[in-house]
Amino acid sequence: MTSDAMIDDPARREPVGFELRPIGIVRSPLARREDAPRQGFLGAPEAWLEIDPRLSDGLLGLAPGAEIIVVTWLHQARRDRLKGRNHRHPDADIGVFATRSPNRPNPIGLHRVTIREIAPPNRLLVHPLEALDGTPIIDLKPVLRRPTA
């Protein structure tokens, strides 16, 4: 393989830049990373999702009781860590891609929550959510159920 072939190999090209725009913000009683549980199911509180009012129409079809995935940008995370330790591997370094650590090159959070209340036009009360107050929301996705036969 020549060096020219490497340059033309799409897998070797630099990633194309792109822009993420927050659709809203988390309003939570959790103010500091030390206050947040590692996962929502480990005792996270209710939190409000405040969606940009211009995007309110995007909430049509959501209802209390529905499960959604809240995609966040973990704005207080470190982006320069590729290895670390966690509660499952306290004595050895492991790569961040093998963990749920917020510290990673692109600190995207995925949070499975249940909608408890909708306050029109643009607020959702959800539970449980371990994201900190002020965390930017990138997207909301419904949890899909596998059809039963």
Protein backbone atom coordinates (compact mmCIF):
# COMPACT_ATOMS: atom_id res chain seq x y z
CA MET A 1 0.00 0.00 0.00
CA THR A 2 1.38 3.39 -0.92
CA SER A 3 1.19 6.49 1.20
CA ASP A 4 -1.22 8.01 -1.37
CA ALA A 5 -3.67 5.16 -0.73
CA MET A 6 -3.57 5.95 2.97
CA ILE A 7 -4.48 9.56 2.30
CA ASP A 8 -7.51 8.50 0.21
CA ASP A 9 -8.67 5.92 2.77
CA PRO A 10 -11.81 7.44 4.41
CA ALA A 11 -10.98 5.65 7.66
CA ARG A 12 -7.74 7.61 7.89
CA ARG A 13 -9.17 11.06 7.18
CA GLU A 14 -9.68 13.62 9.90
CA PRO A 15 -13.26 13.77 11.16
CA VAL A 16 -15.43 16.45 9.63
CA GLY A 17 -16.43 19.11 12.14
CA PHE A 18 -20.06 19.58 13.07
CA GLU A 19 -22.15 21.66 15.40
CA LEU A 20 -24.48 20.58 18.19
CA ARG A 21 -27.12 23.00 19.38
CA PRO A 22 -28.70 22.44 22.79
CA ILE A 23 -32.47 22.05 22.69
CA GLY A 24 -32.85 22.89 26.37
CA ILE A 25 -31.40 22.71 29.85
CA VAL A 26 -31.74 20.49 32.93
CA ARG A 27 -33.13 22.06 36.11
CA SER A 28 -32.12 19.75 38.95
CA PRO A 29 -31.48 19.88 42.70
CA LEU A 30 -28.06 18.33 41.92
CA ALA A 31 -25.59 21.21 41.86
CA ARG A 32 -22.21 19.43 42.17
CA ARG A 33 -20.75 16.29 40.62
CA GLU A 34 -20.18 14.91 44.13
CA ASP A 35 -23.94 15.08 44.76
CA ALA A 36 -24.90 13.01 41.71
CA PRO A 37 -25.27 9.23 41.84
CA ARG A 38 -23.28 7.24 39.25
CA GLN A 39 -26.51 6.16 37.54
CA GLY A 40 -30.06 7.43 37.71
CA PHE A 41 -31.40 4.21 39.22
CA LEU A 42 -29.03 4.66 42.19
CA GLY A 43 -31.18 7.33 43.84
CA ALA A 44 -31.28 10.22 41.38
CA PRO A 45 -34.00 12.83 41.97
CA GLU A 46 -36.70 14.25 39.74
CA ALA A 47 -35.60 17.06 37.46
CA TRP A 48 -37.23 19.45 35.03
CA LEU A 49 -36.24 19.55 31.39
CA GLU A 50 -36.73 23.07 30.05
CA ILE A 51 -36.93 22.90 26.28
CA ASP A 52 -36.33 25.94 24.09
CA PRO A 53 -39.82 27.44 23.55
CA ARG A 54 -39.18 27.59 19.79
CA LEU A 55 -39.00 23.77 19.82
CA SER A 56 -42.22 23.15 21.79
CA ASP A 57 -43.93 21.51 18.80
CA GLY A 58 -41.30 18.78 18.99
CA LEU A 59 -42.81 17.64 22.31
CA LEU A 60 -46.16 16.70 20.70
CA GLY A 61 -46.92 13.04 21.34
CA LEU A 62 -45.03 12.81 24.64
CA ALA A 63 -47.13 11.99 27.69
CA PRO A 64 -46.73 11.32 31.42
CA GLY A 65 -45.71 7.71 31.98
CA ALA A 66 -43.68 7.52 28.76
CA GLU A 67 -40.05 6.49 28.93
CA ILE A 68 -37.56 8.61 27.02
CA ILE A 69 -33.81 8.83 26.58
CA VAL A 70 -32.46 12.27 27.44
CA VAL A 71 -29.22 12.97 25.55
CA THR A 72 -27.07 15.56 27.33
CA TRP A 73 -23.70 17.27 27.00
CA LEU A 74 -21.85 16.63 30.27
CA HIS A 75 -20.41 20.14 30.39
CA GLN A 76 -18.37 19.65 33.59
CA ALA A 77 -16.58 16.52 32.34
CA ARG A 78 -12.89 16.36 31.49
CA ARG A 79 -12.24 15.70 27.82
CA ASP A 80 -8.55 14.80 28.14
CA ARG A 81 -8.92 11.43 29.90
CA LEU A 82 -8.74 8.16 28.00
CA LYS A 83 -8.09 5.82 30.93
CA GLY A 84 -9.33 5.63 34.47
CA ARG A 85 -10.63 3.41 37.24
CA ASN A 86 -14.15 2.74 38.33
CA HIS A 87 -16.02 0.84 41.01
CA ARG A 88 -15.94 -2.39 38.94
CA HIS A 89 -12.17 -2.13 38.25
CA PRO A 90 -10.67 -0.30 41.26
CA ASP A 91 -7.16 -1.76 40.85
CA ALA A 92 -6.55 -1.39 37.11
CA ASP A 93 -6.82 1.31 34.48
CA ILE A 94 -9.42 0.75 31.79
CA GLY A 95 -10.30 2.79 28.72
CA VAL A 96 -13.13 5.30 28.95
CA PHE A 97 -14.99 3.54 26.14
CA ALA A 98 -15.38 0.54 28.47
CA THR A 99 -16.96 2.73 31.18
CA ARG A 100 -19.92 5.02 31.74
CA SER A 101 -17.57 7.76 33.01
CA PRO A 102 -18.55 11.32 32.06
CA ASN A 103 -14.85 12.04 31.40
CA ARG A 104 -14.32 11.22 27.73
CA PRO A 105 -13.45 12.94 24.42
CA ASN A 106 -17.12 13.71 23.68
CA PRO A 107 -18.94 13.81 27.02
CA ILE A 108 -22.39 12.76 25.87
CA GLY A 109 -24.79 11.54 28.55
CA LEU A 110 -27.60 9.05 27.99
CA HIS A 111 -30.32 9.00 30.64
CA ARG A 112 -33.34 6.69 30.58
CA VAL A 113 -36.14 8.46 32.44
CA THR A 114 -39.90 8.40 32.84
CA ILE A 115 -41.98 11.50 32.19
CA ARG A 116 -43.92 12.35 35.34
CA GLU A 117 -45.52 15.61 34.28
CA ILE A 118 -45.72 17.93 31.30
CA ALA A 119 -46.07 21.64 31.98
CA PRO A 120 -47.04 23.19 28.64
CA PRO A 121 -45.65 24.49 26.53
CA ASN A 122 -42.06 23.37 27.09
CA ARG A 123 -41.30 21.72 30.45
CA LEU A 124 -41.09 18.03 31.35
CA LEU A 125 -40.69 16.66 34.87
CA VAL A 126 -38.72 13.41 34.64
CA HIS A 127 -37.40 10.76 37.02
CA PRO A 128 -34.75 9.58 37.76
CA LEU A 129 -32.15 11.97 36.32
CA GLU A 130 -28.56 12.16 37.58
CA ALA A 131 -27.60 15.15 35.41
CA LEU A 132 -26.51 18.35 37.14
CA ASP A 133 -28.45 21.59 37.18
CA GLY A 134 -27.56 23.57 34.06
CA THR A 135 -26.61 20.53 31.94
CA PRO A 136 -27.36 21.21 28.26
CA ILE A 137 -29.88 18.87 26.63
CA ILE A 138 -28.94 17.74 23.12
CA ASP A 139 -31.96 15.60 22.24
CA LEU A 140 -34.88 13.51 23.48
CA LYS A 141 -35.67 10.05 22.09
CA PRO A 142 -38.55 7.71 22.89
CA VAL A 143 -37.72 4.31 24.36
CA LEU A 144 -38.89 1.78 21.81
CA ARG A 145 -40.46 -1.49 22.88
CA ARG A 146 -39.71 -4.66 20.94
CA PRO A 147 -42.95 -6.02 19.49
CA THR A 148 -44.16 -9.23 21.09
CA ALA A 149 -45.26 -12.11 18.91
